[in-house]
Structure formats: structure tokens, C-alpha cells
Amino acid sequence: GEVQCLCPSGGLQLGPNGRTCIDIDE
């Protein structure tokens, strides 16, 4: 019942707003 936003790659993470994805600098 909880809605979670997804990022299409393991190299991206959810931004502070929980909706957009930001890059992880590996």
C-alpha cells in the first residue's frame, strides 16, 4: 500500500524530494 518512486539504474538514487533521480558518482 506504500508508493515508492523508482530509479531505473543502480547508479541513480532518489533525490531529497523522493520523486526525481540523481546520479551517484561511483
PDB file of all heavy atoms in Angstrom:
ATOM      1  N   GLY A   1       0.792  -1.229   0.000  1.00  0.00           N
ATOM      2  CA  GLY A   1       0.000   0.000   0.000  1.00  0.00           C
ATOM      3  C   GLY A   1       0.823   1.276   0.000  1.00  0.00           C
ATOM      4  O   GLY A   1       0.288   2.364  -0.167  1.00  0.00           O
ATOM      5  N   GLU A   2       2.124   1.166   0.200  1.00  0.00           N
ATOM      6  CA  GLU A   2       3.014   2.330   0.187  1.00  0.00           C
ATOM      7  C   GLU A   2       3.530   2.535  -1.238  1.00  0.00           C
ATOM      8  O   GLU A   2       3.944   1.583  -1.890  1.00  0.00           O
ATOM      9  CB  GLU A   2       4.226   2.084   1.096  1.00  0.00           C
ATOM     10  CG  GLU A   2       3.914   2.190   2.583  1.00  0.00           C
ATOM     11  CD  GLU A   2       4.056   3.622   3.085  1.00  0.00           C
ATOM     12  OE1 GLU A   2       5.135   4.210   2.905  1.00  0.00           O
ATOM     13  OE2 GLU A   2       3.055   4.139   3.620  1.00  0.00           O
ATOM     14  N   VAL A   3       3.516   3.769  -1.704  1.00  0.00           N
ATOM     15  CA  VAL A   3       4.015   4.047  -3.048  1.00  0.00           C
ATOM     16  C   VAL A   3       5.454   4.562  -2.941  1.00  0.00           C
ATOM     17  O   VAL A   3       5.745   5.482  -2.193  1.00  0.00           O
ATOM     18  CB  VAL A   3       3.130   5.091  -3.761  1.00  0.00           C
ATOM     19  CG1 VAL A   3       3.724   5.480  -5.104  1.00  0.00           C
ATOM     20  CG2 VAL A   3       1.733   4.550  -3.949  1.00  0.00           C
ATOM     21  N   GLN A   4       6.355   3.907  -3.699  1.00  0.00           N
ATOM     22  CA  GLN A   4       7.760   4.324  -3.702  1.00  0.00           C
ATOM     23  C   GLN A   4       8.199   4.617  -5.123  1.00  0.00           C
ATOM     24  O   GLN A   4       7.938   3.832  -6.027  1.00  0.00           O
ATOM     25  CB  GLN A   4       8.646   3.199  -3.147  1.00  0.00           C
ATOM     26  CG  GLN A   4       8.627   3.099  -1.636  1.00  0.00           C
ATOM     27  CD  GLN A   4       9.521   1.950  -1.173  1.00  0.00           C
ATOM     28  OE1 GLN A   4       9.580   0.898  -1.801  1.00  0.00           O
ATOM     29  NE2 GLN A   4      10.203   2.150  -0.072  1.00  0.00           N
ATOM     30  N   CYS A   5       8.879   5.762  -5.312  1.00  0.00           N
ATOM     31  CA  CYS A   5       9.413   6.080  -6.634  1.00  0.00           C
ATOM     32  C   CYS A   5      10.629   5.205  -6.895  1.00  0.00           C
ATOM     33  O   CYS A   5      11.343   4.826  -5.971  1.00  0.00           O
ATOM     34  CB  CYS A   5       9.807   7.554  -6.698  1.00  0.00           C
ATOM     35  SG  CYS A   5       8.382   8.670  -6.657  1.00  0.00           S
ATOM     36  N   LEU A   6      10.847   4.872  -8.179  1.00  0.00           N
ATOM     37  CA  LEU A   6      11.963   4.012  -8.571  1.00  0.00           C
ATOM     38  C   LEU A   6      12.967   4.771  -9.428  1.00  0.00           C
ATOM     39  O   LEU A   6      12.600   5.714 -10.112  1.00  0.00           O
ATOM     40  CB  LEU A   6      11.454   2.822  -9.402  1.00  0.00           C
ATOM     41  CG  LEU A   6      10.538   1.816  -8.733  1.00  0.00           C
ATOM     42  CD1 LEU A   6      10.024   0.826  -9.768  1.00  0.00           C
ATOM     43  CD2 LEU A   6      11.272   1.072  -7.628  1.00  0.00           C
ATOM     44  N   CYS A   7      14.219   4.303  -9.382  1.00  0.00           N
ATOM     45  CA  CYS A   7      15.244   4.808 -10.304  1.00  0.00           C
ATOM     46  C   CYS A   7      15.629   3.655 -11.222  1.00  0.00           C
ATOM     47  O   CYS A   7      15.776   2.523 -10.757  1.00  0.00           O
ATOM     48  CB  CYS A   7      16.459   5.308  -9.528  1.00  0.00           C
ATOM     49  SG  CYS A   7      16.108   6.833  -8.624  1.00  0.00           S
ATOM     50  N   PRO A   8      15.785   3.914 -12.543  1.00  0.00           N
ATOM     51  CA  PRO A   8      15.999   2.814 -13.492  1.00  0.00           C
ATOM     52  C   PRO A   8      17.390   2.184 -13.470  1.00  0.00           C
ATOM     53  O   PRO A   8      17.664   1.264 -14.203  1.00  0.00           O
ATOM     54  CB  PRO A   8      15.734   3.476 -14.845  1.00  0.00           C
ATOM     55  CG  PRO A   8      16.035   4.910 -14.629  1.00  0.00           C
ATOM     56  CD  PRO A   8      15.696   5.211 -13.220  1.00  0.00           C
ATOM     57  N   SER A   9      18.283   2.671 -12.616  1.00  0.00           N
ATOM     58  CA  SER A   9      19.636   2.125 -12.585  1.00  0.00           C
ATOM     59  C   SER A   9      20.178   2.168 -11.166  1.00  0.00           C
ATOM     60  O   SER A   9      19.832   3.060 -10.382  1.00  0.00           O
ATOM     61  CB  SER A   9      20.531   2.961 -13.513  1.00  0.00           C
ATOM     62  OG  SER A   9      21.882   2.828 -13.164  1.00  0.00           O
ATOM     63  N   GLY A  10      21.046   1.205 -10.854  1.00  0.00           N
ATOM     64  CA  GLY A  10      21.685   1.167  -9.535  1.00  0.00           C
ATOM     65  C   GLY A  10      22.620   2.339  -9.324  1.00  0.00           C
ATOM     66  O   GLY A  10      23.009   2.647  -8.194  1.00  0.00           O
ATOM     67  N   GLY A  11      22.984   3.007 -10.415  1.00  0.00           N
ATOM     68  CA  GLY A  11      23.874   4.168 -10.322  1.00  0.00           C
ATOM     69  C   GLY A  11      23.121   5.477 -10.132  1.00  0.00           C
ATOM     70  O   GLY A  11      23.692   6.563 -10.204  1.00  0.00           O
ATOM     71  N   LEU A  12      21.805   5.359  -9.890  1.00  0.00           N
ATOM     72  CA  LEU A  12      20.986   6.544  -9.601  1.00  0.00           C
ATOM     73  C   LEU A  12      20.340   6.360  -8.240  1.00  0.00           C
ATOM     74  O   LEU A  12      20.070   5.239  -7.820  1.00  0.00           O
ATOM     75  CB  LEU A  12      19.878   6.704 -10.657  1.00  0.00           C
ATOM     76  CG  LEU A  12      20.291   6.924 -12.113  1.00  0.00           C
ATOM     77  CD1 LEU A  12      19.074   6.867 -13.016  1.00  0.00           C
ATOM     78  CD2 LEU A  12      21.013   8.241 -12.287  1.00  0.00           C
ATOM     79  N   GLN A  13      20.102   7.453  -7.546  1.00  0.00           N
ATOM     80  CA  GLN A  13      19.408   7.364  -6.259  1.00  0.00           C
ATOM     81  C   GLN A  13      18.314   8.424  -6.195  1.00  0.00           C
ATOM     82  O   GLN A  13      18.393   9.436  -6.887  1.00  0.00           O
ATOM     83  CB  GLN A  13      20.397   7.538  -5.103  1.00  0.00           C
ATOM     84  CG  GLN A  13      21.051   8.901  -5.063  1.00  0.00           C
ATOM     85  CD  GLN A  13      22.101   9.015  -3.974  1.00  0.00           C
ATOM     86  OE1 GLN A  13      22.505   8.032  -3.378  1.00  0.00           O
ATOM     87  NE2 GLN A  13      22.558  10.227  -3.721  1.00  0.00           N
ATOM     88  N   LEU A  14      17.315   8.166  -5.369  1.00  0.00           N
ATOM     89  CA  LEU A  14      16.218   9.134  -5.234  1.00  0.00           C
ATOM     90  C   LEU A  14      16.744  10.406  -4.601  1.00  0.00           C
ATOM     91  O   LEU A  14      17.507  10.364  -3.637  1.00  0.00           O
ATOM     92  CB  LEU A  14      15.101   8.552  -4.363  1.00  0.00           C
ATOM     93  CG  LEU A  14      14.090   7.652  -5.074  1.00  0.00           C
ATOM     94  CD1 LEU A  14      13.091   7.103  -4.073  1.00  0.00           C
ATOM     95  CD2 LEU A  14      13.349   8.383  -6.184  1.00  0.00           C
ATOM     96  N   GLY A  15      16.334  11.524  -5.187  1.00  0.00           N
ATOM     97  CA  GLY A  15      16.739  12.825  -4.659  1.00  0.00           C
ATOM     98  C   GLY A  15      15.985  13.147  -3.380  1.00  0.00           C
ATOM     99  O   GLY A  15      15.100  12.395  -2.949  1.00  0.00           O
ATOM    100  N   PRO A  16      16.301  14.274  -2.757  1.00  0.00           N
ATOM    101  CA  PRO A  16      15.677  14.656  -1.487  1.00  0.00           C
ATOM    102  C   PRO A  16      14.143  14.738  -1.554  1.00  0.00           C
ATOM    103  O   PRO A  16      13.467  14.492  -0.563  1.00  0.00           O
ATOM    104  CB  PRO A  16      16.268  16.034  -1.178  1.00  0.00           C
ATOM    105  CG  PRO A  16      17.498  16.130  -2.019  1.00  0.00           C
ATOM    106  CD  PRO A  16      17.283  15.263  -3.211  1.00  0.00           C
ATOM    107  N   ASN A  17      13.599  15.033  -2.765  1.00  0.00           N
ATOM    108  CA  ASN A  17      12.136  15.143  -2.886  1.00  0.00           C
ATOM    109  C   ASN A  17      11.450  13.777  -2.992  1.00  0.00           C
ATOM    110  O   ASN A  17      10.233  13.686  -2.989  1.00  0.00           O
ATOM    111  CB  ASN A  17      11.753  16.031  -4.078  1.00  0.00           C
ATOM    112  CG  ASN A  17      12.225  15.458  -5.422  1.00  0.00           C
ATOM    113  OD1 ASN A  17      12.691  14.318  -5.498  1.00  0.00           O
ATOM    114  ND2 ASN A  17      12.093  16.245  -6.472  1.00  0.00           N
ATOM    115  N   GLY A  18      12.255  12.696  -3.120  1.00  0.00           N
ATOM    116  CA  GLY A  18      11.673  11.345  -3.180  1.00  0.00           C
ATOM    117  C   GLY A  18      10.995  11.018  -4.502  1.00  0.00           C
ATOM    118  O   GLY A  18      10.356   9.983  -4.634  1.00  0.00           O
ATOM    119  N   ARG A  19      11.132  11.904  -5.514  1.00  0.00           N
ATOM    120  CA  ARG A  19      10.454  11.697  -6.798  1.00  0.00           C
ATOM    121  C   ARG A  19      11.416  11.659  -7.976  1.00  0.00           C
ATOM    122  O   ARG A  19      11.213  10.928  -8.924  1.00  0.00           O
ATOM    123  CB  ARG A  19       9.418  12.805  -7.040  1.00  0.00           C
ATOM    124  CG  ARG A  19       8.248  12.791  -6.079  1.00  0.00           C
ATOM    125  CD  ARG A  19       7.084  13.604  -6.585  1.00  0.00           C
ATOM    126  NE  ARG A  19       7.445  14.913  -7.089  1.00  0.00           N
ATOM    127  CZ  ARG A  19       7.487  16.017  -6.350  1.00  0.00           C
ATOM    128  NH1 ARG A  19       7.205  15.977  -5.065  1.00  0.00           N
ATOM    129  NH2 ARG A  19       7.810  17.173  -6.886  1.00  0.00           N
ATOM    130  N   THR A  20      12.464  12.488  -7.936  1.00  0.00           N
ATOM    131  CA  THR A  20      13.415  12.532  -9.046  1.00  0.00           C
ATOM    132  C   THR A  20      14.672  11.741  -8.684  1.00  0.00           C
ATOM    133  O   THR A  20      14.968  11.530  -7.510  1.00  0.00           O
ATOM    134  CB  THR A  20      13.799  13.987  -9.394  1.00  0.00           C
ATOM    135  OG1 THR A  20      14.269  14.620  -8.206  1.00  0.00           O
ATOM    136  CG2 THR A  20      12.630  14.749  -9.961  1.00  0.00           C
ATOM    137  N   CYS A  21      15.386  11.299  -9.723  1.00  0.00           N
ATOM    138  CA  CYS A  21      16.599  10.509  -9.515  1.00  0.00           C
ATOM    139  C   CYS A  21      17.837  11.348  -9.778  1.00  0.00           C
ATOM    140  O   CYS A  21      17.882  12.100 -10.743  1.00  0.00           O
ATOM    141  CB  CYS A  21      16.603   9.305 -10.450  1.00  0.00           C
ATOM    142  SG  CYS A  21      15.263   8.154 -10.093  1.00  0.00           S
ATOM    143  N   ILE A  22      18.816  11.206  -8.887  1.00  0.00           N
ATOM    144  CA  ILE A  22      20.085  11.922  -9.081  1.00  0.00           C
ATOM    145  C   ILE A  22      21.203  10.899  -9.239  1.00  0.00           C
ATOM    146  O   ILE A  22      21.110   9.782  -8.739  1.00  0.00           O
ATOM    147  CB  ILE A  22      20.379  12.921  -7.928  1.00  0.00           C
ATOM    148  CG1 ILE A  22      20.310  12.233  -6.552  1.00  0.00           C
ATOM    149  CG2 ILE A  22      19.474  14.117  -8.000  1.00  0.00           C
ATOM    150  CD1 ILE A  22      20.750  13.107  -5.394  1.00  0.00           C
ATOM    151  N   ASP A  23      22.242  11.301  -9.954  1.00  0.00           N
ATOM    152  CA  ASP A  23      23.360  10.410 -10.253  1.00  0.00           C
ATOM    153  C   ASP A  23      24.211  10.150  -9.012  1.00  0.00           C
ATOM    154  O   ASP A  23      24.441  11.040  -8.207  1.00  0.00           O
ATOM    155  CB  ASP A  23      24.225  11.037 -11.349  1.00  0.00           C
ATOM    156  CG  ASP A  23      25.441  10.193 -11.699  1.00  0.00           C
ATOM    157  OD1 ASP A  23      25.247   9.011 -12.019  1.00  0.00           O
ATOM    158  OD2 ASP A  23      26.567  10.712 -11.644  1.00  0.00           O
ATOM    159  N   ILE A  24      24.671   8.912  -8.877  1.00  0.00           N
ATOM    160  CA  ILE A  24      25.648   8.564  -7.844  1.00  0.00           C
ATOM    161  C   ILE A  24      26.996   8.557  -8.550  1.00  0.00           C
ATOM    162  O   ILE A  24      27.167   7.873  -9.557  1.00  0.00           O
ATOM    163  CB  ILE A  24      25.373   7.155  -7.251  1.00  0.00           C
ATOM    164  CG1 ILE A  24      24.014   7.104  -6.555  1.00  0.00           C
ATOM    165  CG2 ILE A  24      26.494   6.745  -6.302  1.00  0.00           C
ATOM    166  CD1 ILE A  24      23.575   5.688  -6.175  1.00  0.00           C
ATOM    167  N   ASP A  25      27.947   9.337  -8.049  1.00  0.00           N
ATOM    168  CA  ASP A  25      29.290   9.341  -8.643  1.00  0.00           C
ATOM    169  C   ASP A  25      30.079   8.186  -8.036  1.00  0.00           C
ATOM    170  O   ASP A  25      30.689   8.308  -6.981  1.00  0.00           O
ATOM    171  CB  ASP A  25      29.986  10.686  -8.368  1.00  0.00           C
ATOM    172  CG  ASP A  25      31.328  10.795  -9.084  1.00  0.00           C
ATOM    173  OD1 ASP A  25      31.847   9.750  -9.532  1.00  0.00           O
ATOM    174  OD2 ASP A  25      31.857  11.917  -9.189  1.00  0.00           O
ATOM    175  N   GLU A  26      30.038   7.026  -8.740  1.00  0.00           N
ATOM    176  CA  GLU A  26      30.706   5.820  -8.226  1.00  0.00           C
ATOM    177  C   GLU A  26      32.206   6.021  -8.089  1.00  0.00           C
ATOM    178  O   GLU A  26      32.854   5.380  -7.268  1.00  0.00           O
ATOM    179  CB  GLU A  26      30.466   4.616  -9.155  1.00  0.00           C
ATOM    180  CG  GLU A  26      29.041   4.128  -9.208  1.00  0.00           C
ATOM    181  CD  GLU A  26      28.207   4.804 -10.279  1.00  0.00           C
ATOM    182  OE1 GLU A  26      28.665   5.825 -10.867  1.00  0.00           O
ATOM    183  OE2 GLU A  26      27.094   4.339 -10.542  1.00  0.00           O
TER     184      GLU A  26
END
